[in-house]
Amino acid sequence: MKNILIIQAHPDKDSFCSKLAQSYHIGATNSCNCKLIHLSDLNFNLVLEHGYKKRTELEPDLLMAQEEIKKADHLVFVYPTWWGTMPASLKGFIDRTFLPGFAFKYRDNSALWDKLLTGKSARLIVTMDAPTWYYNIFYKKPGHQAMKKATLNFCGVKPVRISTFGSVKSSTVKKREQWLFKVRKLGEALK
């Protein structure tokens, strides 16, 4: 049975992102071990205070998150697109948890690195108020590229699939219900 970790990064637990995360969780729970974390429930400093030159002690919630990431076969990140990329809570979470020695390891005297999260897959469930075609064509998907290639692939997570939902602000109740159904089906499809 697969272990799935859902990380919901919208700070408002009544948001559409939260509903999407819950829908995925419902779909996946029948056939997988599934855990849902709302970043807004965690207590941690968003700032990587000293970069990588000096290790900042991880708060208990981040240590717990790292353990859950280690156990997971599949990671699901649910978040809104703000200013073309992810919200600060998710960026801070990644900065603080995807550390050298945990998610990757630089090699001595080399430009290469070891990918320590190899063997895991991921799904990004991303909302936006802009139309998805506009984000794709004019902005070239900067948030998607940052999460997929510069973060998850960098650490060995492959494949990374992306489901984008927008424009949320102009969507109808019926459209949102269709999106929730689609996300629940994505969760059900994992075995």
N, C-alpha and C. Protein backbone atom coordinates (compact mmCIF):
# COMPACT_ATOMS: atom_id res chain seq x y z
N MET A 1 0.84 -1.19 0.00
CA MET A 1 0.00 0.00 0.00
C MET A 1 0.88 1.24 0.00
N LYS A 2 0.59 2.18 -0.89
CA LYS A 2 1.39 3.41 -0.99
C LYS A 2 1.16 4.33 0.19
N ASN A 3 2.20 5.06 0.54
CA ASN A 3 2.11 6.12 1.53
C ASN A 3 2.10 7.45 0.80
N ILE A 4 1.07 8.24 1.06
CA ILE A 4 0.91 9.53 0.40
C ILE A 4 0.92 10.63 1.45
N LEU A 5 1.66 11.68 1.16
CA LEU A 5 1.67 12.87 2.02
C LEU A 5 1.14 14.04 1.20
N ILE A 6 0.07 14.65 1.69
CA ILE A 6 -0.52 15.83 1.07
C ILE A 6 -0.11 17.04 1.90
N ILE A 7 0.50 18.02 1.25
CA ILE A 7 0.92 19.25 1.91
C ILE A 7 0.09 20.39 1.33
N GLN A 8 -0.80 20.92 2.14
CA GLN A 8 -1.70 21.99 1.71
C GLN A 8 -1.12 23.31 2.20
N ALA A 9 -0.82 24.23 1.26
CA ALA A 9 -0.04 25.42 1.62
C ALA A 9 -0.82 26.73 1.59
N HIS A 10 -2.12 26.70 1.34
CA HIS A 10 -2.89 27.96 1.44
C HIS A 10 -3.08 28.27 2.92
N PRO A 11 -2.78 29.50 3.35
CA PRO A 11 -2.89 29.81 4.78
C PRO A 11 -4.32 29.78 5.33
N ASP A 12 -5.32 29.88 4.46
CA ASP A 12 -6.72 29.87 4.89
C ASP A 12 -7.27 28.46 4.75
N LYS A 13 -7.60 27.83 5.87
CA LYS A 13 -8.10 26.45 5.82
C LYS A 13 -9.51 26.36 5.25
N ASP A 14 -10.17 27.49 5.00
CA ASP A 14 -11.48 27.49 4.34
C ASP A 14 -11.35 27.79 2.85
N SER A 15 -10.14 27.77 2.33
CA SER A 15 -9.89 28.12 0.93
C SER A 15 -10.29 26.97 0.00
N PHE A 16 -10.35 27.28 -1.29
CA PHE A 16 -10.61 26.25 -2.30
C PHE A 16 -9.44 25.26 -2.34
N CYS A 17 -8.23 25.73 -2.11
CA CYS A 17 -7.08 24.81 -2.04
C CYS A 17 -7.29 23.77 -0.95
N SER A 18 -7.79 24.19 0.19
CA SER A 18 -8.04 23.26 1.28
C SER A 18 -9.09 22.23 0.88
N LYS A 19 -10.12 22.68 0.17
CA LYS A 19 -11.14 21.75 -0.31
C LYS A 19 -10.56 20.76 -1.32
N LEU A 20 -9.67 21.24 -2.19
CA LEU A 20 -9.01 20.34 -3.14
C LEU A 20 -8.17 19.30 -2.40
N ALA A 21 -7.42 19.73 -1.40
CA ALA A 21 -6.59 18.81 -0.62
C ALA A 21 -7.46 17.76 0.07
N GLN A 22 -8.57 18.18 0.64
CA GLN A 22 -9.48 17.25 1.30
C GLN A 22 -10.09 16.27 0.30
N SER A 23 -10.41 16.76 -0.89
CA SER A 23 -10.98 15.90 -1.92
C SER A 23 -9.97 14.83 -2.36
N TYR A 24 -8.72 15.23 -2.56
CA TYR A 24 -7.68 14.27 -2.91
C TYR A 24 -7.52 13.25 -1.78
N HIS A 25 -7.50 13.74 -0.56
CA HIS A 25 -7.36 12.86 0.61
C HIS A 25 -8.48 11.83 0.65
N ILE A 26 -9.71 12.25 0.42
CA ILE A 26 -10.85 11.32 0.40
C ILE A 26 -10.65 10.26 -0.68
N GLY A 27 -10.24 10.69 -1.86
CA GLY A 27 -10.03 9.75 -2.95
C GLY A 27 -8.92 8.75 -2.67
N ALA A 28 -7.85 9.20 -2.07
CA ALA A 28 -6.67 8.35 -1.87
C ALA A 28 -6.79 7.45 -0.65
N THR A 29 -7.57 7.83 0.33
CA THR A 29 -7.63 7.11 1.60
C THR A 29 -8.12 5.67 1.44
N ASN A 30 -8.96 5.41 0.46
CA ASN A 30 -9.50 4.05 0.30
C ASN A 30 -8.45 3.03 -0.11
N SER A 31 -7.42 3.45 -0.84
CA SER A 31 -6.44 2.48 -1.32
C SER A 31 -5.01 2.77 -0.86
N CYS A 32 -4.80 3.82 -0.11
CA CYS A 32 -3.45 4.22 0.31
C CYS A 32 -3.45 4.67 1.76
N ASN A 33 -2.26 4.63 2.37
CA ASN A 33 -2.07 5.31 3.65
C ASN A 33 -1.84 6.78 3.32
N CYS A 34 -2.69 7.64 3.82
CA CYS A 34 -2.68 9.02 3.37
C CYS A 34 -2.69 9.96 4.57
N LYS A 35 -1.78 10.94 4.54
CA LYS A 35 -1.72 11.95 5.61
C LYS A 35 -1.82 13.32 4.96
N LEU A 36 -2.60 14.20 5.57
CA LEU A 36 -2.79 15.57 5.10
C LEU A 36 -2.23 16.53 6.14
N ILE A 37 -1.31 17.38 5.69
CA ILE A 37 -0.73 18.42 6.55
C ILE A 37 -1.13 19.78 5.99
N HIS A 38 -1.67 20.63 6.85
CA HIS A 38 -1.92 22.03 6.50
C HIS A 38 -0.75 22.83 7.06
N LEU A 39 0.00 23.50 6.19
CA LEU A 39 1.15 24.26 6.68
C LEU A 39 0.75 25.31 7.71
N SER A 40 -0.48 25.81 7.61
CA SER A 40 -0.93 26.82 8.57
C SER A 40 -1.06 26.25 9.99
N ASP A 41 -1.09 24.92 10.13
CA ASP A 41 -1.14 24.29 11.45
C ASP A 41 0.24 24.09 12.07
N LEU A 42 1.28 24.24 11.26
CA LEU A 42 2.64 24.00 11.74
C LEU A 42 3.23 25.28 12.33
N ASN A 43 4.07 25.09 13.33
CA ASN A 43 4.74 26.22 13.98
C ASN A 43 6.22 26.18 13.59
N PHE A 44 6.62 27.10 12.70
CA PHE A 44 8.03 27.15 12.30
C PHE A 44 8.35 28.52 11.70
N ASN A 45 9.61 28.88 11.78
CA ASN A 45 10.11 30.11 11.18
C ASN A 45 10.27 29.87 9.68
N LEU A 46 9.70 30.73 8.86
CA LEU A 46 9.77 30.57 7.41
C LEU A 46 11.16 30.84 6.84
N VAL A 47 12.00 31.55 7.60
CA VAL A 47 13.26 32.05 7.06
C VAL A 47 14.41 31.08 7.38
N LEU A 48 15.15 30.73 6.35
CA LEU A 48 16.39 29.96 6.52
C LEU A 48 17.45 30.97 6.95
N GLU A 49 17.56 31.19 8.24
CA GLU A 49 18.30 32.30 8.83
C GLU A 49 19.74 32.46 8.34
N HIS A 50 20.47 31.39 8.19
CA HIS A 50 21.89 31.48 7.85
C HIS A 50 22.21 30.83 6.51
N GLY A 51 21.20 30.58 5.69
CA GLY A 51 21.45 29.84 4.46
C GLY A 51 21.96 28.46 4.81
N TYR A 52 22.90 27.95 4.03
CA TYR A 52 23.44 26.61 4.29
C TYR A 52 24.75 26.64 5.06
N LYS A 53 25.25 27.83 5.41
CA LYS A 53 26.55 27.87 6.07
C LYS A 53 26.48 27.51 7.55
N LYS A 54 25.32 27.67 8.16
CA LYS A 54 25.16 27.32 9.57
C LYS A 54 23.77 26.71 9.73
N ARG A 55 23.69 25.56 10.37
CA ARG A 55 22.42 24.85 10.50
C ARG A 55 21.57 25.49 11.59
N THR A 56 20.33 25.80 11.24
CA THR A 56 19.34 26.28 12.21
C THR A 56 18.57 25.07 12.72
N GLU A 57 18.40 24.98 14.02
CA GLU A 57 17.66 23.85 14.59
C GLU A 57 16.25 23.82 14.01
N LEU A 58 15.81 22.62 13.63
CA LEU A 58 14.46 22.46 13.10
C LEU A 58 13.46 22.37 14.25
N GLU A 59 12.35 23.07 14.09
CA GLU A 59 11.26 22.99 15.06
C GLU A 59 10.64 21.59 15.01
N PRO A 60 9.98 21.15 16.08
CA PRO A 60 9.36 19.82 16.10
C PRO A 60 8.42 19.57 14.92
N ASP A 61 7.66 20.57 14.49
CA ASP A 61 6.75 20.37 13.36
C ASP A 61 7.51 20.09 12.06
N LEU A 62 8.67 20.71 11.88
CA LEU A 62 9.45 20.44 10.68
C LEU A 62 10.13 19.08 10.75
N LEU A 63 10.56 18.67 11.93
CA LEU A 63 11.11 17.32 12.10
C LEU A 63 10.05 16.27 11.77
N MET A 64 8.81 16.52 12.24
CA MET A 64 7.69 15.62 11.92
C MET A 64 7.45 15.60 10.42
N ALA A 65 7.47 16.76 9.77
CA ALA A 65 7.24 16.83 8.33
C ALA A 65 8.33 16.07 7.57
N GLN A 66 9.57 16.21 7.99
CA GLN A 66 10.65 15.46 7.34
C GLN A 66 10.44 13.96 7.47
N GLU A 67 10.00 13.50 8.63
CA GLU A 67 9.72 12.06 8.81
C GLU A 67 8.61 11.61 7.88
N GLU A 68 7.58 12.43 7.74
CA GLU A 68 6.47 12.08 6.85
C GLU A 68 6.92 12.07 5.38
N ILE A 69 7.78 13.00 5.02
CA ILE A 69 8.33 13.03 3.66
C ILE A 69 9.15 11.77 3.40
N LYS A 70 9.98 11.37 4.37
CA LYS A 70 10.78 10.15 4.23
C LYS A 70 9.90 8.93 4.00
N LYS A 71 8.79 8.83 4.75
CA LYS A 71 7.90 7.67 4.66
C LYS A 71 7.10 7.66 3.36
N ALA A 72 6.88 8.82 2.77
CA ALA A 72 5.96 8.93 1.62
C ALA A 72 6.57 8.35 0.35
N ASP A 73 5.72 7.66 -0.39
CA ASP A 73 6.06 7.22 -1.75
C ASP A 73 5.66 8.30 -2.75
N HIS A 74 4.63 9.05 -2.40
CA HIS A 74 4.06 10.05 -3.30
C HIS A 74 3.76 11.32 -2.50
N LEU A 75 4.23 12.45 -2.99
CA LEU A 75 4.00 13.75 -2.36
C LEU A 75 2.99 14.54 -3.19
N VAL A 76 2.05 15.18 -2.52
CA VAL A 76 1.06 16.02 -3.19
C VAL A 76 1.14 17.40 -2.56
N PHE A 77 1.40 18.40 -3.38
CA PHE A 77 1.45 19.79 -2.91
C PHE A 77 0.25 20.52 -3.48
N VAL A 78 -0.54 21.12 -2.61
CA VAL A 78 -1.72 21.87 -3.02
C VAL A 78 -1.50 23.32 -2.59
N TYR A 79 -1.55 24.24 -3.56
CA TYR A 79 -1.26 25.63 -3.22
C TYR A 79 -1.78 26.58 -4.31
N PRO A 80 -1.99 27.85 -3.93
CA PRO A 80 -2.38 28.85 -4.92
C PRO A 80 -1.15 29.45 -5.59
N THR A 81 -1.34 29.96 -6.78
CA THR A 81 -0.29 30.73 -7.44
C THR A 81 -0.48 32.19 -7.05
N TRP A 82 0.52 32.73 -6.38
CA TRP A 82 0.53 34.14 -5.99
C TRP A 82 1.79 34.77 -6.57
N TRP A 83 1.63 35.85 -7.28
CA TRP A 83 2.75 36.53 -7.93
C TRP A 83 3.55 35.57 -8.82
N GLY A 84 2.84 34.69 -9.50
CA GLY A 84 3.45 33.79 -10.47
C GLY A 84 4.06 32.53 -9.90
N THR A 85 4.09 32.40 -8.58
CA THR A 85 4.72 31.22 -7.98
C THR A 85 3.97 30.82 -6.71
N MET A 86 4.63 30.18 -5.80
CA MET A 86 4.00 29.64 -4.60
C MET A 86 3.90 30.69 -3.49
N PRO A 87 3.01 30.47 -2.51
CA PRO A 87 2.95 31.38 -1.36
C PRO A 87 4.18 31.23 -0.47
N ALA A 88 4.43 32.24 0.33
CA ALA A 88 5.60 32.27 1.21
C ALA A 88 5.65 31.08 2.16
N SER A 89 4.49 30.61 2.61
CA SER A 89 4.47 29.47 3.54
C SER A 89 5.11 28.24 2.91
N LEU A 90 4.82 27.98 1.64
CA LEU A 90 5.39 26.82 0.97
C LEU A 90 6.87 27.02 0.68
N LYS A 91 7.24 28.21 0.24
CA LYS A 91 8.65 28.49 -0.02
C LYS A 91 9.47 28.35 1.26
N GLY A 92 8.96 28.89 2.36
CA GLY A 92 9.66 28.77 3.64
C GLY A 92 9.74 27.33 4.10
N PHE A 93 8.67 26.58 3.91
CA PHE A 93 8.66 25.17 4.28
C PHE A 93 9.72 24.40 3.51
N ILE A 94 9.81 24.65 2.21
CA ILE A 94 10.82 23.98 1.39
C ILE A 94 12.22 24.40 1.82
N ASP A 95 12.43 25.71 1.99
CA ASP A 95 13.74 26.20 2.43
C ASP A 95 14.18 25.52 3.72
N ARG A 96 13.26 25.33 4.63
CA ARG A 96 13.61 24.81 5.96
C ARG A 96 13.68 23.29 6.02
N THR A 97 12.95 22.57 5.16
CA THR A 97 12.92 21.10 5.26
C THR A 97 13.75 20.39 4.19
N PHE A 98 13.80 20.92 2.99
CA PHE A 98 14.52 20.27 1.89
C PHE A 98 15.99 20.66 1.96
N LEU A 99 16.63 20.25 3.02
CA LEU A 99 17.99 20.68 3.34
C LEU A 99 19.04 19.72 2.80
N PRO A 100 20.29 20.20 2.66
CA PRO A 100 21.39 19.30 2.35
C PRO A 100 21.47 18.21 3.42
N GLY A 101 21.67 16.99 2.98
CA GLY A 101 21.71 15.87 3.91
C GLY A 101 20.35 15.23 4.09
N PHE A 102 19.29 15.94 3.75
CA PHE A 102 17.94 15.38 3.81
C PHE A 102 17.37 15.17 2.40
N ALA A 103 17.35 16.21 1.59
CA ALA A 103 16.75 16.14 0.25
C ALA A 103 17.80 15.99 -0.85
N PHE A 104 18.99 16.46 -0.59
CA PHE A 104 20.09 16.37 -1.56
C PHE A 104 21.40 16.47 -0.79
N LYS A 105 22.50 16.16 -1.50
CA LYS A 105 23.82 16.29 -0.87
C LYS A 105 24.82 16.70 -1.93
N TYR A 106 25.46 17.84 -1.71
CA TYR A 106 26.51 18.27 -2.62
C TYR A 106 27.71 17.34 -2.49
N ARG A 107 28.36 17.08 -3.60
CA ARG A 107 29.56 16.24 -3.60
C ARG A 107 30.79 17.13 -3.43
N ASP A 108 31.76 16.65 -2.69
CA ASP A 108 33.00 17.40 -2.49
C ASP A 108 33.72 17.60 -3.82
N ASN A 109 34.20 18.80 -4.05
CA ASN A 109 34.99 19.15 -5.24
C ASN A 109 34.31 18.74 -6.55
N SER A 110 32.99 18.94 -6.60
CA SER A 110 32.23 18.56 -7.79
C SER A 110 31.06 19.51 -7.97
N ALA A 111 30.65 19.69 -9.22
CA ALA A 111 29.44 20.46 -9.51
C ALA A 111 28.19 19.58 -9.39
N LEU A 112 28.38 18.30 -9.18
CA LEU A 112 27.27 17.35 -9.10
C LEU A 112 26.79 17.19 -7.67
N TRP A 113 25.62 16.60 -7.52
CA TRP A 113 25.02 16.39 -6.21
C TRP A 113 24.28 15.05 -6.21
N ASP A 114 24.01 14.54 -5.03
CA ASP A 114 23.22 13.33 -4.87
C ASP A 114 21.78 13.73 -4.57
N LYS A 115 20.86 13.03 -5.24
CA LYS A 115 19.43 13.28 -5.08
C LYS A 115 18.90 12.30 -4.05
N LEU A 116 18.57 12.79 -2.87
CA LEU A 116 18.24 11.92 -1.74
C LEU A 116 16.76 11.55 -1.64
N LEU A 117 15.92 12.12 -2.50
CA LEU A 117 14.49 11.77 -2.47
C LEU A 117 14.10 10.93 -3.69
N THR A 118 15.09 10.29 -4.30
CA THR A 118 14.83 9.42 -5.44
C THR A 118 13.89 8.29 -5.03
N GLY A 119 13.02 7.91 -5.95
CA GLY A 119 12.05 6.84 -5.68
C GLY A 119 10.68 7.36 -5.30
N LYS A 120 10.57 8.66 -5.12
CA LYS A 120 9.28 9.27 -4.80
C LYS A 120 8.72 9.93 -6.06
N SER A 121 7.41 10.02 -6.14
CA SER A 121 6.74 10.75 -7.20
C SER A 121 5.96 11.90 -6.56
N ALA A 122 5.44 12.79 -7.39
CA ALA A 122 4.70 13.93 -6.83
C ALA A 122 3.61 14.40 -7.78
N ARG A 123 2.65 15.07 -7.20
CA ARG A 123 1.60 15.76 -7.94
C ARG A 123 1.49 17.16 -7.35
N LEU A 124 1.46 18.16 -8.22
CA LEU A 124 1.20 19.54 -7.82
C LEU A 124 -0.25 19.85 -8.20
N ILE A 125 -1.03 20.32 -7.26
CA ILE A 125 -2.40 20.76 -7.51
C ILE A 125 -2.39 22.25 -7.23
N VAL A 126 -2.47 23.03 -8.30
CA VAL A 126 -2.21 24.46 -8.22
C VAL A 126 -3.43 25.25 -8.70
N THR A 127 -3.83 26.24 -7.92
CA THR A 127 -4.92 27.12 -8.33
C THR A 127 -4.35 28.48 -8.71
N MET A 128 -5.13 29.21 -9.47
CA MET A 128 -4.75 30.58 -9.82
C MET A 128 -5.98 31.37 -10.22
N ASP A 129 -5.88 32.68 -10.08
CA ASP A 129 -6.96 33.55 -10.53
C ASP A 129 -6.81 33.92 -11.99
N ALA A 130 -5.60 33.86 -12.51
CA ALA A 130 -5.37 34.11 -13.94
C ALA A 130 -5.87 32.90 -14.74
N PRO A 131 -6.25 33.11 -15.98
CA PRO A 131 -6.55 31.96 -16.83
C PRO A 131 -5.28 31.14 -17.04
N THR A 132 -5.41 29.83 -17.03
CA THR A 132 -4.23 28.97 -17.15
C THR A 132 -3.49 29.21 -18.46
N TRP A 133 -4.20 29.47 -19.54
CA TRP A 133 -3.53 29.70 -20.83
C TRP A 133 -2.64 30.94 -20.75
N TYR A 134 -3.08 31.97 -20.04
CA TYR A 134 -2.29 33.19 -19.91
C TYR A 134 -1.01 32.91 -19.12
N TYR A 135 -1.16 32.18 -18.02
CA TYR A 135 -0.02 31.81 -17.19
C TYR A 135 0.99 30.99 -18.00
N ASN A 136 0.49 30.06 -18.79
CA ASN A 136 1.36 29.19 -19.58
C ASN A 136 2.08 29.95 -20.70
N ILE A 137 1.34 30.75 -21.44
CA ILE A 137 1.91 31.40 -22.63
C ILE A 137 2.74 32.64 -22.28
N PHE A 138 2.18 33.53 -21.49
CA PHE A 138 2.86 34.80 -21.25
C PHE A 138 3.87 34.76 -20.11
N TYR A 139 3.60 34.01 -19.07
CA TYR A 139 4.54 33.93 -17.96
C TYR A 139 5.48 32.73 -18.06
N LYS A 140 5.15 31.76 -18.90
CA LYS A 140 5.98 30.55 -19.09
C LYS A 140 6.02 29.65 -17.86
N LYS A 141 4.97 29.69 -17.05
CA LYS A 141 4.79 28.79 -15.89
C LYS A 141 5.94 28.84 -14.87
N PRO A 142 6.32 30.00 -14.38
CA PRO A 142 7.48 30.07 -13.48
C PRO A 142 7.32 29.27 -12.19
N GLY A 143 6.14 29.30 -11.60
CA GLY A 143 5.93 28.54 -10.36
C GLY A 143 5.98 27.05 -10.58
N HIS A 144 5.39 26.60 -11.68
CA HIS A 144 5.42 25.17 -12.01
C HIS A 144 6.86 24.71 -12.24
N GLN A 145 7.62 25.52 -12.98
CA GLN A 145 9.01 25.16 -13.27
C GLN A 145 9.85 25.12 -11.99
N ALA A 146 9.62 26.09 -11.11
CA ALA A 146 10.39 26.14 -9.86
C ALA A 146 10.12 24.91 -9.00
N MET A 147 8.86 24.53 -8.85
CA MET A 147 8.53 23.37 -8.01
C MET A 147 8.95 22.06 -8.67
N LYS A 148 8.63 21.91 -9.95
CA LYS A 148 8.90 20.64 -10.61
C LYS A 148 10.39 20.42 -10.83
N LYS A 149 11.03 21.35 -11.53
CA LYS A 149 12.41 21.12 -11.96
C LYS A 149 13.44 21.55 -10.93
N ALA A 150 13.31 22.79 -10.44
CA ALA A 150 14.36 23.34 -9.57
C ALA A 150 14.27 22.85 -8.13
N THR A 151 13.14 22.24 -7.76
CA THR A 151 13.01 21.73 -6.39
C THR A 151 12.88 20.21 -6.38
N LEU A 152 11.76 19.70 -6.87
CA LEU A 152 11.50 18.26 -6.73
C LEU A 152 12.42 17.40 -7.60
N ASN A 153 12.56 17.72 -8.89
CA ASN A 153 13.47 16.95 -9.73
C ASN A 153 14.91 17.07 -9.23
N PHE A 154 15.30 18.25 -8.75
CA PHE A 154 16.64 18.47 -8.20
C PHE A 154 16.93 17.48 -7.07
N CYS A 155 15.89 17.15 -6.30
CA CYS A 155 16.05 16.24 -5.16
C CYS A 155 15.77 14.79 -5.53
N GLY A 156 15.45 14.51 -6.80
CA GLY A 156 15.24 13.15 -7.26
C GLY A 156 13.80 12.71 -7.38
N VAL A 157 12.85 13.59 -7.07
CA VAL A 157 11.44 13.23 -7.15
C VAL A 157 11.00 13.24 -8.62
N LYS A 158 10.58 12.06 -9.10
CA LYS A 158 10.12 11.92 -10.49
C LYS A 158 9.18 10.73 -10.57
N PRO A 159 8.16 10.79 -11.37
CA PRO A 159 7.71 11.94 -12.14
C PRO A 159 6.98 12.94 -11.24
N VAL A 160 6.89 14.16 -11.72
CA VAL A 160 6.10 15.21 -11.07
C VAL A 160 5.02 15.62 -12.08
N ARG A 161 3.79 15.38 -11.71
CA ARG A 161 2.66 15.76 -12.57
C ARG A 161 1.99 16.99 -11.98
N ILE A 162 1.42 17.80 -12.87
CA ILE A 162 0.83 19.07 -12.44
C ILE A 162 -0.61 19.17 -12.91
N SER A 163 -1.50 19.50 -11.99
CA SER A 163 -2.90 19.80 -12.29
C SER A 163 -3.14 21.25 -11.91
N THR A 164 -3.52 22.05 -12.90
CA THR A 164 -3.72 23.49 -12.68
C THR A 164 -5.19 23.84 -12.84
N PHE A 165 -5.71 24.63 -11.91
CA PHE A 165 -7.11 25.03 -11.93
C PHE A 165 -7.22 26.54 -11.90
N GLY A 166 -7.79 27.11 -12.92
CA GLY A 166 -7.96 28.56 -13.00
C GLY A 166 -8.87 28.90 -14.16
N SER A 167 -9.38 29.98 -14.15
CA SER A 167 -9.38 31.05 -13.18
C SER A 167 -10.39 30.76 -12.07
N VAL A 168 -9.89 30.65 -10.84
CA VAL A 168 -10.75 30.33 -9.71
C VAL A 168 -11.72 31.47 -9.42
N LYS A 169 -11.24 32.70 -9.47
CA LYS A 169 -12.10 33.82 -9.06
C LYS A 169 -13.31 34.01 -9.98
N SER A 170 -13.21 33.58 -11.22
CA SER A 170 -14.36 33.73 -12.13
C SER A 170 -15.08 32.40 -12.37
N SER A 171 -14.70 31.36 -11.63
CA SER A 171 -15.32 30.05 -11.83
C SER A 171 -16.70 29.97 -11.18
N THR A 172 -17.52 29.11 -11.72
CA THR A 172 -18.86 28.88 -11.17
C THR A 172 -18.80 27.79 -10.11
N VAL A 173 -19.85 27.68 -9.34
CA VAL A 173 -19.95 26.61 -8.35
C VAL A 173 -19.87 25.26 -9.05
N LYS A 174 -20.54 25.14 -10.18
CA LYS A 174 -20.51 23.88 -10.94
C LYS A 174 -19.09 23.54 -11.38
N LYS A 175 -18.35 24.51 -11.87
CA LYS A 175 -16.97 24.29 -12.31
C LYS A 175 -16.10 23.84 -11.14
N ARG A 176 -16.26 24.47 -10.00
CA ARG A 176 -15.47 24.08 -8.82
C ARG A 176 -15.81 22.66 -8.38
N GLU A 177 -17.08 22.30 -8.45
CA GLU A 177 -17.48 20.93 -8.12
C GLU A 177 -16.83 19.94 -9.08
N GLN A 178 -16.75 20.30 -10.36
CA GLN A 178 -16.08 19.43 -11.34
C GLN A 178 -14.60 19.28 -11.01
N TRP A 179 -13.96 20.38 -10.62
CA TRP A 179 -12.54 20.31 -10.25
C TRP A 179 -12.33 19.44 -9.02
N LEU A 180 -13.22 19.57 -8.02
CA LEU A 180 -13.11 18.75 -6.82
C LEU A 180 -13.28 17.26 -7.16
N PHE A 181 -14.21 16.97 -8.04
CA PHE A 181 -14.43 15.58 -8.48
C PHE A 181 -13.19 15.05 -9.19
N LYS A 182 -12.62 15.86 -10.07
CA LYS A 182 -11.42 15.46 -10.81
C LYS A 182 -10.27 15.14 -9.85
N VAL A 183 -10.09 15.98 -8.84
CA VAL A 183 -9.01 15.79 -7.87
C VAL A 183 -9.25 14.54 -7.03
N ARG A 184 -10.50 14.30 -6.65
CA ARG A 184 -10.80 13.08 -5.91
C ARG A 184 -10.45 11.85 -6.75
N LYS A 185 -10.75 11.91 -8.04
CA LYS A 185 -10.42 10.80 -8.95
C LYS A 185 -8.90 10.61 -9.08
N LEU A 186 -8.14 11.71 -9.05
CA LEU A 186 -6.68 11.59 -9.06
C LEU A 186 -6.20 10.82 -7.82
N GLY A 187 -6.80 11.11 -6.68
CA GLY A 187 -6.44 10.39 -5.46
C GLY A 187 -6.83 8.93 -5.53
N GLU A 188 -8.01 8.64 -6.10
CA GLU A 188 -8.46 7.26 -6.23
C GLU A 188 -7.59 6.46 -7.18
N ALA A 189 -6.98 7.11 -8.17
CA ALA A 189 -6.20 6.41 -9.18
C ALA A 189 -4.89 5.85 -8.64
N LEU A 190 -4.43 6.33 -7.50
CA LEU A 190 -3.18 5.80 -6.91
C LEU A 190 -3.48 4.50 -6.18
N LYS A 191 -2.71 3.52 -6.45
CA LYS A 191 -2.90 2.21 -5.82
C LYS A 191 -1.62 1.78 -5.16
